Amino acid sequence: MKFGDSYFQQLVGTAMGTSCAVQFANLYFGWHEKEVIFPAFRDALRRIPFYRRFIDDVYLIWDGPCDNDWQSLEHAFNNYGILKWDFPEEGSSRSVNFLDLTLTIKGNRITTKTYQKPPNPYLYLPPHSAHAPGIMKGVIYGQLRTYYRQNTEYSDFVKISRLFFKRLVSQGWDQAVLKNLFTTAFNKLNQQLENPPPPPANDQPDRVGRLFFHLTFHPNDMPRREIRQIFTETLEEVVREAADIEQFTVAYSKPTTIGSRIAKATMFEVEGREVSKYLAGEVPDDI
C-alpha cells in the first residue's frame, strides 16, 4: 500500500479497494468452512437444510429451536483467527434481511422482497447532470426490472416502484418526464415478460461489421439521431462496400468533471514535508 512517498506492507487482512480482495476473502472463508466449521459441526449439519454464502454474508435455514447446537454453530463461526460474525440477538426467525433482499418463510415456500438499508442516501442522477439522454431511461428500466425480480408479491413491486418515483421527484425530476420514462420502462418490461427474448447463440461468432463513432458527451452538441442521419446520407454505402460495415454506433464517453480535476488520486506533497520525513521525525511539530 502506498501513502505519499512511502510503502507499507499490510500484515492482517487485505487493503480496502484491492481488486483481488474479494477472491482472498472467498478463498479464506471457503477453507475455514471446509476445515473448521463443518468438521466441528458435523453432528448437527442435518439441522441446516439450506446454506449459502456470498463473500462474508451467510444465509442458512435452521430446523428447530436455538439450543446447544445453535450455540455451537455460533462458537464455530466466531472462534477462529480474526473472523467475527454478527448473529441476530433474537436468534433464528422466519424472516431475515440478506444483502438487498428480505427473505421470509411462508408455509412451504420462501418469498422475497426488496430490502434497502436505512442509511441509504438514494443518490440517483439529478436532472441537471450532463449525461446522455438515454442514460436515465436505462437507469429507470434497469431498476424496475431488478425490483420485479426481487419481489415475489406484485404489491411489493408496486410499492417499491412508487418509492423509486417519489425519490426521483425529490431530487428535482419533473413528474411529467418521469411518467413518460416509467411508462416506457413498464411497457418494455411487460413485453419481455410476455415474449422473453431467446438466449444468445454463443456457438456462432458475431461477424457483423461495426463502426463506432466516439465522442465526449456534451448536452449542447448535435443529437445522436442527426449524426446517424448524416452518416446514412453521406457515408453508409461507402463504408459498407469498402469495409463491410453493417452497423454504425455513436458512442459517448464521460466528460471531465470538476471532481476529477480537484480530487486527484495522487497525493500532492510539499517538498521537505513528505510522509517519509514525518515518520522519521524530520519535520518540526510547529510546521
C-alpha atoms as a PDB file:
ATOM      1  CA  MET A   1       0.000   0.000   0.000  1.00  0.00           C
ATOM      2  CA  LYS A   2       1.387   3.416  -0.973  1.00  0.00           C
ATOM      3  CA  PHE A   3       0.813   6.568   1.073  1.00  0.00           C
ATOM      4  CA  GLY A   4       2.623   9.640  -0.191  1.00  0.00           C
ATOM      5  CA  ASP A   5       6.206   8.596  -0.908  1.00  0.00           C
ATOM      6  CA  SER A   6       6.121   5.618   1.483  1.00  0.00           C
ATOM      7  CA  TYR A   7       5.095   1.994   1.033  1.00  0.00           C
ATOM      8  CA  PHE A   8       3.519  -0.176   3.738  1.00  0.00           C
ATOM      9  CA  GLN A   9       3.001  -3.924   3.924  1.00  0.00           C
ATOM     10  CA  GLN A  10      -0.354  -4.916   5.410  1.00  0.00           C
ATOM     11  CA  LEU A  11       0.131  -7.906   7.712  1.00  0.00           C
ATOM     12  CA  VAL A  12      -3.505  -8.592   8.669  1.00  0.00           C
ATOM     13  CA  GLY A  13      -6.257  -8.783   6.083  1.00  0.00           C
ATOM     14  CA  THR A  14      -6.004  -7.022   2.748  1.00  0.00           C
ATOM     15  CA  ALA A  15      -6.215  -3.395   1.705  1.00  0.00           C
ATOM     16  CA  MET A  16      -9.666  -1.926   1.046  1.00  0.00           C
ATOM     17  CA  GLY A  17     -10.321  -1.472  -2.644  1.00  0.00           C
ATOM     18  CA  THR A  18      -7.825  -4.113  -3.788  1.00  0.00           C
ATOM     19  CA  SER A  19      -9.182  -5.754  -6.935  1.00  0.00           C
ATOM     20  CA  CYS A  20      -8.377  -9.262  -5.661  1.00  0.00           C
ATOM     21  CA  ALA A  21      -9.675  -8.684  -2.102  1.00  0.00           C
ATOM     22  CA  VAL A  22     -12.966 -10.470  -2.820  1.00  0.00           C
ATOM     23  CA  GLN A  23     -11.123 -13.529  -4.122  1.00  0.00           C
ATOM     24  CA  PHE A  24      -8.921 -13.514  -0.996  1.00  0.00           C
ATOM     25  CA  ALA A  25     -11.995 -13.377   1.232  1.00  0.00           C
ATOM     26  CA  ASN A  26     -13.749 -16.210  -0.611  1.00  0.00           C
ATOM     27  CA  LEU A  27     -10.688 -18.468  -0.530  1.00  0.00           C
ATOM     28  CA  TYR A  28     -10.008 -17.705   3.127  1.00  0.00           C
ATOM     29  CA  PHE A  29     -13.502 -18.373   4.395  1.00  0.00           C
ATOM     30  CA  GLY A  30     -14.093 -21.265   1.998  1.00  0.00           C
ATOM     31  CA  TRP A  31     -11.134 -23.022   3.619  1.00  0.00           C
ATOM     32  CA  HIS A  32     -12.485 -22.055   7.049  1.00  0.00           C
ATOM     33  CA  GLU A  33     -15.869 -23.609   6.244  1.00  0.00           C
ATOM     34  CA  LYS A  34     -14.315 -26.843   4.989  1.00  0.00           C
ATOM     35  CA  GLU A  35     -11.627 -27.308   7.622  1.00  0.00           C
ATOM     36  CA  VAL A  36     -13.136 -25.740  10.766  1.00  0.00           C
ATOM     37  CA  ILE A  37     -16.880 -25.061  10.756  1.00  0.00           C
ATOM     38  CA  PHE A  38     -18.259 -28.157   9.029  1.00  0.00           C
ATOM     39  CA  PRO A  39     -15.995 -30.694  10.833  1.00  0.00           C
ATOM     40  CA  ALA A  40     -16.740 -29.098  14.221  1.00  0.00           C
ATOM     41  CA  PHE A  41     -20.436 -29.052  13.481  1.00  0.00           C
ATOM     42  CA  ARG A  42     -20.745 -32.371  11.644  1.00  0.00           C
ATOM     43  CA  ASP A  43     -23.215 -33.968  14.063  1.00  0.00           C
ATOM     44  CA  ALA A  44     -25.742 -31.156  13.693  1.00  0.00           C
ATOM     45  CA  LEU A  45     -25.453 -30.441   9.951  1.00  0.00           C
ATOM     46  CA  ARG A  46     -28.749 -32.290   9.465  1.00  0.00           C
ATOM     47  CA  ARG A  47     -30.428 -29.270  11.100  1.00  0.00           C
ATOM     48  CA  ILE A  48     -29.275 -26.983   8.255  1.00  0.00           C
ATOM     49  CA  PRO A  49     -31.280 -27.969   5.164  1.00  0.00           C
ATOM     50  CA  PHE A  50     -30.118 -24.878   3.277  1.00  0.00           C
ATOM     51  CA  TYR A  51     -26.814 -22.966   3.472  1.00  0.00           C
ATOM     52  CA  ARG A  52     -25.487 -20.272   1.133  1.00  0.00           C
ATOM     53  CA  ARG A  53     -22.739 -17.666   1.466  1.00  0.00           C
ATOM     54  CA  PHE A  54     -21.883 -14.568  -0.567  1.00  0.00           C
ATOM     55  CA  ILE A  55     -18.363 -13.439   0.429  1.00  0.00           C
ATOM     56  CA  ASP A  56     -18.927 -12.606   4.125  1.00  0.00           C
ATOM     57  CA  ASP A  57     -22.741 -12.821   4.269  1.00  0.00           C
ATOM     58  CA  VAL A  58     -24.201 -16.193   5.232  1.00  0.00           C
ATOM     59  CA  TYR A  59     -27.821 -17.226   4.837  1.00  0.00           C
ATOM     60  CA  LEU A  60     -28.983 -20.514   6.316  1.00  0.00           C
ATOM     61  CA  ILE A  61     -32.220 -22.230   7.288  1.00  0.00           C
ATOM     62  CA  TRP A  62     -32.129 -23.719  10.790  1.00  0.00           C
ATOM     63  CA  ASP A  63     -34.532 -26.513  11.660  1.00  0.00           C
ATOM     64  CA  GLY A  64     -35.518 -26.388  15.320  1.00  0.00           C
ATOM     65  CA  PRO A  65     -35.012 -24.229  18.438  1.00  0.00           C
ATOM     66  CA  CYS A  66     -31.906 -22.196  19.271  1.00  0.00           C
ATOM     67  CA  ASP A  67     -30.420 -24.767  21.654  1.00  0.00           C
ATOM     68  CA  ASN A  68     -26.909 -26.020  22.319  1.00  0.00           C
ATOM     69  CA  ASP A  69     -26.415 -26.924  18.657  1.00  0.00           C
ATOM     70  CA  TRP A  70     -27.094 -23.319  17.634  1.00  0.00           C
ATOM     71  CA  GLN A  71     -24.641 -22.045  20.266  1.00  0.00           C
ATOM     72  CA  SER A  72     -22.045 -24.484  18.924  1.00  0.00           C
ATOM     73  CA  LEU A  73     -22.576 -23.053  15.460  1.00  0.00           C
ATOM     74  CA  GLU A  74     -22.009 -19.503  16.738  1.00  0.00           C
ATOM     75  CA  HIS A  75     -18.851 -20.687  18.506  1.00  0.00           C
ATOM     76  CA  ALA A  76     -17.537 -22.351  15.329  1.00  0.00           C
ATOM     77  CA  PHE A  77     -18.095 -19.140  13.356  1.00  0.00           C
ATOM     78  CA  ASN A  78     -16.607 -16.750  15.905  1.00  0.00           C
ATOM     79  CA  ASN A  79     -13.594 -18.567  17.338  1.00  0.00           C
ATOM     80  CA  TYR A  80     -11.151 -18.740  14.508  1.00  0.00           C
ATOM     81  CA  GLY A  81      -8.466 -16.158  13.710  1.00  0.00           C
ATOM     82  CA  ILE A  82      -9.723 -12.621  13.212  1.00  0.00           C
ATOM     83  CA  LEU A  83     -13.173 -13.631  11.939  1.00  0.00           C
ATOM     84  CA  LYS A  84     -16.068 -12.293  13.997  1.00  0.00           C
ATOM     85  CA  TRP A  85     -19.632 -12.748  12.791  1.00  0.00           C
ATOM     86  CA  ASP A  86     -22.756 -10.907  13.862  1.00  0.00           C
ATOM     87  CA  PHE A  87     -25.688 -13.128  14.768  1.00  0.00           C
ATOM     88  CA  PRO A  88     -29.157 -11.652  15.364  1.00  0.00           C
ATOM     89  CA  GLU A  89     -29.771 -11.217  19.080  1.00  0.00           C
ATOM     90  CA  GLU A  90     -33.176 -12.841  18.830  1.00  0.00           C
ATOM     91  CA  GLY A  91     -31.605 -15.939  17.266  1.00  0.00           C
ATOM     92  CA  SER A  92     -33.332 -17.569  14.337  1.00  0.00           C
ATOM     93  CA  SER A  93     -36.554 -16.232  12.825  1.00  0.00           C
ATOM     94  CA  ARG A  94     -38.848 -16.845   9.873  1.00  0.00           C
ATOM     95  CA  SER A  95     -37.695 -13.652   8.157  1.00  0.00           C
ATOM     96  CA  VAL A  96     -34.227 -12.199   7.630  1.00  0.00           C
ATOM     97  CA  ASN A  97     -32.516  -9.469   5.594  1.00  0.00           C
ATOM     98  CA  PHE A  98     -29.805 -10.862   3.321  1.00  0.00           C
ATOM     99  CA  LEU A  99     -27.929  -8.469   1.010  1.00  0.00           C
ATOM    100  CA  ASP A 100     -30.665  -6.474  -0.771  1.00  0.00           C
ATOM    101  CA  LEU A 101     -33.478  -8.944  -0.056  1.00  0.00           C
ATOM    102  CA  THR A 102     -35.832  -9.727   2.802  1.00  0.00           C
ATOM    103  CA  LEU A 103     -36.450 -13.488   2.749  1.00  0.00           C
ATOM    104  CA  THR A 104     -39.461 -14.900   4.575  1.00  0.00           C
ATOM    105  CA  ILE A 105     -40.681 -18.460   5.121  1.00  0.00           C
ATOM    106  CA  LYS A 106     -44.413 -18.561   4.335  1.00  0.00           C
ATOM    107  CA  GLY A 107     -45.898 -22.009   4.603  1.00  0.00           C
ATOM    108  CA  ASN A 108     -43.895 -24.286   2.335  1.00  0.00           C
ATOM    109  CA  ARG A 109     -42.184 -21.587   0.262  1.00  0.00           C
ATOM    110  CA  ILE A 110     -39.691 -18.729   0.640  1.00  0.00           C
ATOM    111  CA  THR A 111     -40.822 -15.284  -0.518  1.00  0.00           C
ATOM    112  CA  THR A 112     -38.595 -12.300  -1.206  1.00  0.00           C
ATOM    113  CA  LYS A 113     -38.941  -8.549  -1.358  1.00  0.00           C
ATOM    114  CA  THR A 114     -36.541  -5.652  -1.820  1.00  0.00           C
ATOM    115  CA  TYR A 115     -34.558  -4.608   1.263  1.00  0.00           C
ATOM    116  CA  GLN A 116     -32.908  -1.177   1.460  1.00  0.00           C
ATOM    117  CA  LYS A 117     -30.727  -0.194   4.396  1.00  0.00           C
ATOM    118  CA  PRO A 118     -31.952   2.800   6.477  1.00  0.00           C
ATOM    119  CA  PRO A 119     -28.838   4.963   5.789  1.00  0.00           C
ATOM    120  CA  ASN A 120     -29.211   4.576   2.009  1.00  0.00           C
ATOM    121  CA  PRO A 121     -28.934   8.131   0.573  1.00  0.00           C
ATOM    122  CA  TYR A 122     -30.555   7.152  -2.784  1.00  0.00           C
ATOM    123  CA  LEU A 123     -28.146   9.231  -4.856  1.00  0.00           C
ATOM    124  CA  TYR A 124     -29.719   8.873  -8.288  1.00  0.00           C
ATOM    125  CA  LEU A 125     -28.716  11.048 -11.227  1.00  0.00           C
ATOM    126  CA  PRO A 126     -30.096  14.599 -10.774  1.00  0.00           C
ATOM    127  CA  PRO A 127     -31.913  16.249 -13.712  1.00  0.00           C
ATOM    128  CA  HIS A 128     -29.165  18.851 -14.218  1.00  0.00           C
ATOM    129  CA  SER A 129     -26.483  16.183 -14.679  1.00  0.00           C
ATOM    130  CA  ALA A 130     -24.799  16.352 -18.089  1.00  0.00           C
ATOM    131  CA  HIS A 131     -25.437  12.720 -19.047  1.00  0.00           C
ATOM    132  CA  ALA A 132     -26.611  11.427 -22.395  1.00  0.00           C
ATOM    133  CA  PRO A 133     -30.447  11.482 -22.655  1.00  0.00           C
ATOM    134  CA  GLY A 134     -30.707   7.708 -22.882  1.00  0.00           C
ATOM    135  CA  ILE A 135     -28.863   7.115 -19.610  1.00  0.00           C
ATOM    136  CA  MET A 136     -31.830   7.899 -17.358  1.00  0.00           C
ATOM    137  CA  LYS A 137     -34.115   5.736 -19.479  1.00  0.00           C
ATOM    138  CA  GLY A 138     -31.753   2.815 -18.906  1.00  0.00           C
ATOM    139  CA  VAL A 139     -31.394   3.575 -15.181  1.00  0.00           C
ATOM    140  CA  ILE A 140     -35.167   3.507 -14.632  1.00  0.00           C
ATOM    141  CA  TYR A 141     -35.760   0.388 -16.721  1.00  0.00           C
ATOM    142  CA  GLY A 142     -32.876  -1.476 -15.089  1.00  0.00           C
ATOM    143  CA  GLN A 143     -34.030  -0.549 -11.592  1.00  0.00           C
ATOM    144  CA  LEU A 144     -37.643  -1.554 -12.253  1.00  0.00           C
ATOM    145  CA  ARG A 145     -36.534  -4.859 -13.769  1.00  0.00           C
ATOM    146  CA  THR A 146     -34.423  -5.540 -10.663  1.00  0.00           C
ATOM    147  CA  TYR A 147     -37.354  -4.719  -8.378  1.00  0.00           C
ATOM    148  CA  TYR A 148     -39.630  -7.037 -10.364  1.00  0.00           C
ATOM    149  CA  ARG A 149     -37.210  -9.930  -9.996  1.00  0.00           C
ATOM    150  CA  GLN A 150     -36.665  -9.276  -6.291  1.00  0.00           C
ATOM    151  CA  ASN A 151     -40.311  -9.200  -5.188  1.00  0.00           C
ATOM    152  CA  THR A 152     -42.419 -12.320  -5.017  1.00  0.00           C
ATOM    153  CA  GLU A 153     -45.618 -10.369  -4.383  1.00  0.00           C
ATOM    154  CA  TYR A 154     -46.650  -7.930  -7.121  1.00  0.00           C
ATOM    155  CA  SER A 155     -47.926  -5.492  -4.463  1.00  0.00           C
ATOM    156  CA  ASP A 156     -44.381  -5.231  -3.049  1.00  0.00           C
ATOM    157  CA  PHE A 157     -43.071  -4.495  -6.543  1.00  0.00           C
ATOM    158  CA  VAL A 158     -45.640  -1.701  -6.992  1.00  0.00           C
ATOM    159  CA  LYS A 159     -44.796  -0.240  -3.574  1.00  0.00           C
ATOM    160  CA  ILE A 160     -41.030  -0.078  -4.138  1.00  0.00           C
ATOM    161  CA  SER A 161     -41.561   1.301  -7.678  1.00  0.00           C
ATOM    162  CA  ARG A 162     -43.668   4.151  -6.277  1.00  0.00           C
ATOM    163  CA  LEU A 163     -40.966   4.908  -3.704  1.00  0.00           C
ATOM    164  CA  PHE A 164     -38.426   4.991  -6.537  1.00  0.00           C
ATOM    165  CA  PHE A 165     -40.604   7.508  -8.413  1.00  0.00           C
ATOM    166  CA  LYS A 166     -41.029   9.737  -5.328  1.00  0.00           C
ATOM    167  CA  ARG A 167     -37.286   9.715  -4.603  1.00  0.00           C
ATOM    168  CA  LEU A 168     -36.535  10.873  -8.140  1.00  0.00           C
ATOM    169  CA  VAL A 169     -39.115  13.655  -7.794  1.00  0.00           C
ATOM    170  CA  SER A 170     -37.485  14.746  -4.526  1.00  0.00           C
ATOM    171  CA  GLN A 171     -34.195  15.100  -6.427  1.00  0.00           C
ATOM    172  CA  GLY A 172     -35.779  17.615  -8.799  1.00  0.00           C
ATOM    173  CA  TRP A 173     -37.019  15.471 -11.676  1.00  0.00           C
ATOM    174  CA  ASP A 174     -40.159  16.702 -13.438  1.00  0.00           C
ATOM    175  CA  GLN A 175     -43.097  14.364 -12.803  1.00  0.00           C
ATOM    176  CA  ALA A 176     -44.281  14.523 -16.415  1.00  0.00           C
ATOM    177  CA  VAL A 177     -40.840  13.474 -17.668  1.00  0.00           C
ATOM    178  CA  LEU A 178     -40.694  10.647 -15.134  1.00  0.00           C
ATOM    179  CA  LYS A 179     -44.179   9.393 -16.013  1.00  0.00           C
ATOM    180  CA  ASN A 180     -43.129   9.061 -19.640  1.00  0.00           C
ATOM    181  CA  LEU A 181     -39.908   7.225 -18.711  1.00  0.00           C
ATOM    182  CA  PHE A 182     -41.688   4.928 -16.232  1.00  0.00           C
ATOM    183  CA  THR A 183     -44.461   4.140 -18.738  1.00  0.00           C
ATOM    184  CA  THR A 184     -41.880   3.251 -21.390  1.00  0.00           C
ATOM    185  CA  ALA A 185     -39.989   1.081 -18.912  1.00  0.00           C
ATOM    186  CA  PHE A 186     -43.135  -0.726 -17.716  1.00  0.00           C
ATOM    187  CA  ASN A 187     -44.224  -1.410 -21.304  1.00  0.00           C
ATOM    188  CA  LYS A 188     -40.811  -2.806 -22.183  1.00  0.00           C
ATOM    189  CA  LEU A 189     -40.774  -4.937 -19.030  1.00  0.00           C
ATOM    190  CA  ASN A 190     -44.257  -6.342 -19.718  1.00  0.00           C
ATOM    191  CA  GLN A 191     -43.339  -7.059 -23.325  1.00  0.00           C
ATOM    192  CA  GLN A 192     -40.247  -9.009 -22.272  1.00  0.00           C
ATOM    193  CA  LEU A 193     -42.258 -10.942 -19.687  1.00  0.00           C
ATOM    194  CA  GLU A 194     -44.870 -11.934 -22.276  1.00  0.00           C
ATOM    195  CA  ASN A 195     -42.320 -12.655 -25.010  1.00  0.00           C
ATOM    196  CA  PRO A 196     -38.936 -13.494 -23.454  1.00  0.00           C
ATOM    197  CA  PRO A 197     -36.032 -12.940 -25.850  1.00  0.00           C
ATOM    198  CA  PRO A 198     -34.292 -16.131 -26.988  1.00  0.00           C
ATOM    199  CA  PRO A 199     -30.949 -16.921 -25.354  1.00  0.00           C
ATOM    200  CA  PRO A 200     -27.915 -15.672 -27.298  1.00  0.00           C
ATOM    201  CA  ALA A 201     -26.351 -18.177 -29.648  1.00  0.00           C
ATOM    202  CA  ASN A 202     -22.795 -18.488 -28.349  1.00  0.00           C
ATOM    203  CA  ASP A 203     -21.850 -21.181 -30.830  1.00  0.00           C
ATOM    204  CA  GLN A 204     -21.613 -18.728 -33.725  1.00  0.00           C
ATOM    205  CA  PRO A 205     -19.318 -15.693 -33.558  1.00  0.00           C
ATOM    206  CA  ASP A 206     -20.781 -12.275 -34.282  1.00  0.00           C
ATOM    207  CA  ARG A 207     -19.418 -11.339 -37.689  1.00  0.00           C
ATOM    208  CA  VAL A 208     -21.389  -8.124 -38.172  1.00  0.00           C
ATOM    209  CA  GLY A 209     -19.059  -5.283 -39.119  1.00  0.00           C
ATOM    210  CA  ARG A 210     -19.364  -2.394 -36.683  1.00  0.00           C
ATOM    211  CA  LEU A 211     -18.201   1.210 -36.841  1.00  0.00           C
ATOM    212  CA  PHE A 212     -18.024   3.187 -33.589  1.00  0.00           C
ATOM    213  CA  PHE A 213     -18.022   6.979 -33.705  1.00  0.00           C
ATOM    214  CA  HIS A 214     -16.648   8.073 -30.335  1.00  0.00           C
ATOM    215  CA  LEU A 215     -17.482  11.454 -28.796  1.00  0.00           C
ATOM    216  CA  THR A 216     -17.129  13.133 -25.414  1.00  0.00           C
ATOM    217  CA  PHE A 217     -20.700  13.928 -24.436  1.00  0.00           C
ATOM    218  CA  HIS A 218     -21.965  17.495 -24.094  1.00  0.00           C
ATOM    219  CA  PRO A 219     -25.680  18.309 -23.748  1.00  0.00           C
ATOM    220  CA  ASN A 220     -25.443  21.156 -26.303  1.00  0.00           C
ATOM    221  CA  ASP A 221     -23.842  19.049 -29.021  1.00  0.00           C
ATOM    222  CA  MET A 222     -25.608  17.667 -32.081  1.00  0.00           C
ATOM    223  CA  PRO A 223     -28.132  14.930 -31.159  1.00  0.00           C
ATOM    224  CA  ARG A 224     -27.231  11.340 -31.867  1.00  0.00           C
ATOM    225  CA  ARG A 225     -30.053  10.876 -34.391  1.00  0.00           C
ATOM    226  CA  GLU A 226     -28.726  13.757 -36.537  1.00  0.00           C
ATOM    227  CA  ILE A 227     -25.241  12.201 -36.567  1.00  0.00           C
ATOM    228  CA  ARG A 228     -26.757   8.906 -37.707  1.00  0.00           C
ATOM    229  CA  GLN A 229     -28.779  10.674 -40.391  1.00  0.00           C
ATOM    230  CA  ILE A 230     -25.683  12.433 -41.777  1.00  0.00           C
ATOM    231  CA  PHE A 231     -23.802   9.134 -41.793  1.00  0.00           C
ATOM    232  CA  THR A 232     -26.654   7.398 -43.614  1.00  0.00           C
ATOM    233  CA  GLU A 233     -26.892  10.124 -46.274  1.00  0.00           C
ATOM    234  CA  THR A 234     -23.150  10.504 -46.907  1.00  0.00           C
ATOM    235  CA  LEU A 235     -21.030   7.515 -45.856  1.00  0.00           C
ATOM    236  CA  GLU A 236     -23.150   4.437 -45.231  1.00  0.00           C
ATOM    237  CA  GLU A 237     -22.891   2.915 -48.705  1.00  0.00           C
ATOM    238  CA  VAL A 238     -19.196   3.750 -48.995  1.00  0.00           C
ATOM    239  CA  VAL A 239     -18.108   2.124 -45.725  1.00  0.00           C
ATOM    240  CA  ARG A 240     -20.374  -0.880 -46.330  1.00  0.00           C
ATOM    241  CA  GLU A 241     -18.685  -1.616 -49.648  1.00  0.00           C
ATOM    242  CA  ALA A 242     -15.146  -0.692 -48.569  1.00  0.00           C
ATOM    243  CA  ALA A 243     -15.035  -2.177 -45.049  1.00  0.00           C
ATOM    244  CA  ASP A 244     -18.116  -4.443 -44.830  1.00  0.00           C
ATOM    245  CA  ILE A 245     -19.654  -2.232 -42.142  1.00  0.00           C
ATOM    246  CA  GLU A 246     -23.252  -3.149 -41.292  1.00  0.00           C
ATOM    247  CA  GLN A 247     -23.795  -1.227 -38.053  1.00  0.00           C
ATOM    248  CA  PHE A 248     -22.941   2.359 -37.096  1.00  0.00           C
ATOM    249  CA  THR A 249     -22.890   3.251 -33.385  1.00  0.00           C
ATOM    250  CA  VAL A 250     -22.450   6.659 -31.791  1.00  0.00           C
ATOM    251  CA  ALA A 251     -20.587   6.052 -28.516  1.00  0.00           C
ATOM    252  CA  TYR A 252     -20.290   8.676 -25.799  1.00  0.00           C
ATOM    253  CA  SER A 253     -17.718   8.971 -23.033  1.00  0.00           C
ATOM    254  CA  LYS A 254     -17.996  10.869 -19.780  1.00  0.00           C
ATOM    255  CA  PRO A 255     -16.588  14.404 -19.935  1.00  0.00           C
ATOM    256  CA  THR A 256     -14.022  15.683 -17.462  1.00  0.00           C
ATOM    257  CA  THR A 257     -15.731  16.884 -14.289  1.00  0.00           C
ATOM    258  CA  ILE A 258     -14.750  19.311 -11.549  1.00  0.00           C
ATOM    259  CA  GLY A 259     -14.430  16.369  -9.189  1.00  0.00           C
ATOM    260  CA  SER A 260     -11.919  14.595 -11.422  1.00  0.00           C
ATOM    261  CA  ARG A 261      -9.849  17.795 -11.509  1.00  0.00           C
ATOM    262  CA  ILE A 262      -9.761  18.581  -7.796  1.00  0.00           C
ATOM    263  CA  ALA A 263      -9.852  15.049  -6.336  1.00  0.00           C
ATOM    264  CA  LYS A 264      -6.660  13.594  -7.710  1.00  0.00           C
ATOM    265  CA  ALA A 265      -5.710  10.049  -6.771  1.00  0.00           C
ATOM    266  CA  THR A 266      -2.066  11.076  -6.333  1.00  0.00           C
ATOM    267  CA  MET A 267      -1.287  12.992  -3.162  1.00  0.00           C
ATOM    268  CA  PHE A 268       0.403  16.371  -3.522  1.00  0.00           C
ATOM    269  CA  GLU A 269       3.357  16.642  -1.151  1.00  0.00           C
ATOM    270  CA  VAL A 270       5.238  19.803  -0.289  1.00  0.00           C
ATOM    271  CA  GLU A 271       8.973  19.415  -0.683  1.00  0.00           C
ATOM    272  CA  GLY A 272      10.557  18.750   2.682  1.00  0.00           C
ATOM    273  CA  ARG A 273       7.298  17.536   4.228  1.00  0.00           C
ATOM    274  CA  GLU A 274       6.908  14.146   2.607  1.00  0.00           C
ATOM    275  CA  VAL A 275       5.306  11.285   4.532  1.00  0.00           C
ATOM    276  CA  SER A 276       8.656   9.557   4.999  1.00  0.00           C
ATOM    277  CA  LYS A 277      10.080  12.636   6.700  1.00  0.00           C
ATOM    278  CA  TYR A 278       7.125  12.788   9.124  1.00  0.00           C
ATOM    279  CA  LEU A 279       7.631   9.121  10.001  1.00  0.00           C
ATOM    280  CA  ALA A 280      11.353   9.695  10.540  1.00  0.00           C
ATOM    281  CA  GLY A 281      10.674  12.683  12.784  1.00  0.00           C
ATOM    282  CA  GLU A 282      12.465  15.076  10.442  1.00  0.00           C
ATOM    283  CA  VAL A 283       9.579  17.568  10.228  1.00  0.00           C
ATOM    284  CA  PRO A 284       9.288  20.023  13.158  1.00  0.00           C
ATOM    285  CA  ASP A 285       5.975  19.914  15.049  1.00  0.00           C
ATOM    286  CA  ASP A 286       5.409  23.649  14.630  1.00  0.00           C
ATOM    287  CA  ILE A 287       5.117  23.431  10.832  1.00  0.00           C
END
